[in-house]
Protein backbone atom coordinates (compact mmCIF):
# COMPACT_ATOMS: atom_id res chain seq x y z
CA MET A 1 58.95 -59.96 -71.43
CA ASP A 2 57.45 -62.10 -69.49
CA GLY A 3 58.72 -61.22 -65.56
CA HIS A 4 58.04 -57.02 -66.96
CA LEU A 5 53.87 -58.25 -67.04
CA LYS A 6 53.43 -60.56 -64.11
CA GLN A 7 54.17 -56.71 -62.26
CA TYR A 8 51.13 -55.46 -63.33
CA VAL A 9 48.84 -57.99 -62.83
CA GLY A 10 45.39 -56.51 -60.89
CA LYS A 11 46.09 -53.43 -63.68
CA LYS A 12 45.05 -52.86 -67.14
CA ILE A 13 47.29 -52.44 -70.56
CA VAL A 14 47.40 -52.01 -73.35
CA ALA A 15 49.01 -55.13 -75.83
CA TYR A 16 50.66 -53.55 -79.26
CA PHE A 17 51.74 -56.28 -81.75
CA SER A 18 54.06 -53.98 -84.50
CA LEU A 19 55.41 -50.92 -84.16
CA TRP A 20 52.73 -50.06 -87.02
CA SER A 21 49.89 -50.59 -84.41
CA MET A 22 52.31 -48.72 -81.88
CA LEU A 23 52.43 -45.73 -83.91
CA LEU A 24 48.43 -45.77 -85.54
CA HIS A 25 47.51 -46.04 -81.29
CA ILE A 26 45.85 -50.12 -82.80
CA GLY A 27 45.84 -52.63 -79.78
CA VAL A 28 44.35 -54.57 -77.47
CA SER A 29 43.57 -53.25 -74.04
CA GLY A 30 42.36 -55.55 -71.12
CA VAL A 31 42.80 -56.02 -67.25
CA VAL A 32 45.37 -58.64 -66.87
CA SER A 33 44.34 -60.97 -64.72
CA GLU A 34 47.11 -64.24 -64.82
CA CYS A 35 50.29 -64.45 -66.30
CA ARG A 36 52.40 -67.62 -66.89
CA GLU A 37 53.88 -69.65 -69.52
CA GLY A 38 54.52 -67.80 -72.17
CA TRP A 39 50.65 -66.61 -71.68
CA ILE A 40 48.53 -63.45 -70.06
CA GLU A 41 45.42 -63.33 -69.42
CA LEU A 42 43.47 -60.24 -70.25
CA LYS A 43 40.15 -59.49 -69.01
CA ARG A 44 37.89 -57.66 -71.59
CA LYS A 45 33.84 -55.61 -70.32
CA ASN A 46 32.42 -59.17 -70.72
CA LYS A 47 35.18 -61.67 -72.69
CA VAL A 48 38.84 -63.14 -71.61
CA ALA A 49 41.36 -62.68 -74.31
CA HIS A 50 44.62 -65.30 -73.65
CA ILE A 51 46.93 -63.47 -75.52
CA ASN A 52 50.81 -65.44 -76.31
CA ILE A 53 53.42 -62.98 -75.10
CA ASN A 54 56.31 -63.66 -77.97
CA LYS A 55 53.98 -61.69 -80.03
CA ILE A 56 53.91 -58.91 -78.19
CA TYR A 57 55.53 -55.84 -79.46
CA CYS A 58 54.91 -53.90 -76.77
CA PHE A 59 52.45 -52.23 -74.20
CA ARG A 60 51.23 -49.72 -71.95
CA VAL A 61 50.16 -49.43 -68.93
CA ILE A 62 46.62 -47.55 -68.27
CA GLU A 63 46.52 -46.69 -64.65
């Protein structure tokens, strides 16, 4: 999944961590600012979230 997320750097995504979170539309959204070494950096309003790629079940591109 690391290769897939690298092409979305600069775009807004929603990351889901399980099948249930995807079905209930509960996820973490933000702009992908960096993707390397198995981690992505999501920039949200005033926060930066570092998420392990292995924990992501699926993701959706918003813009």
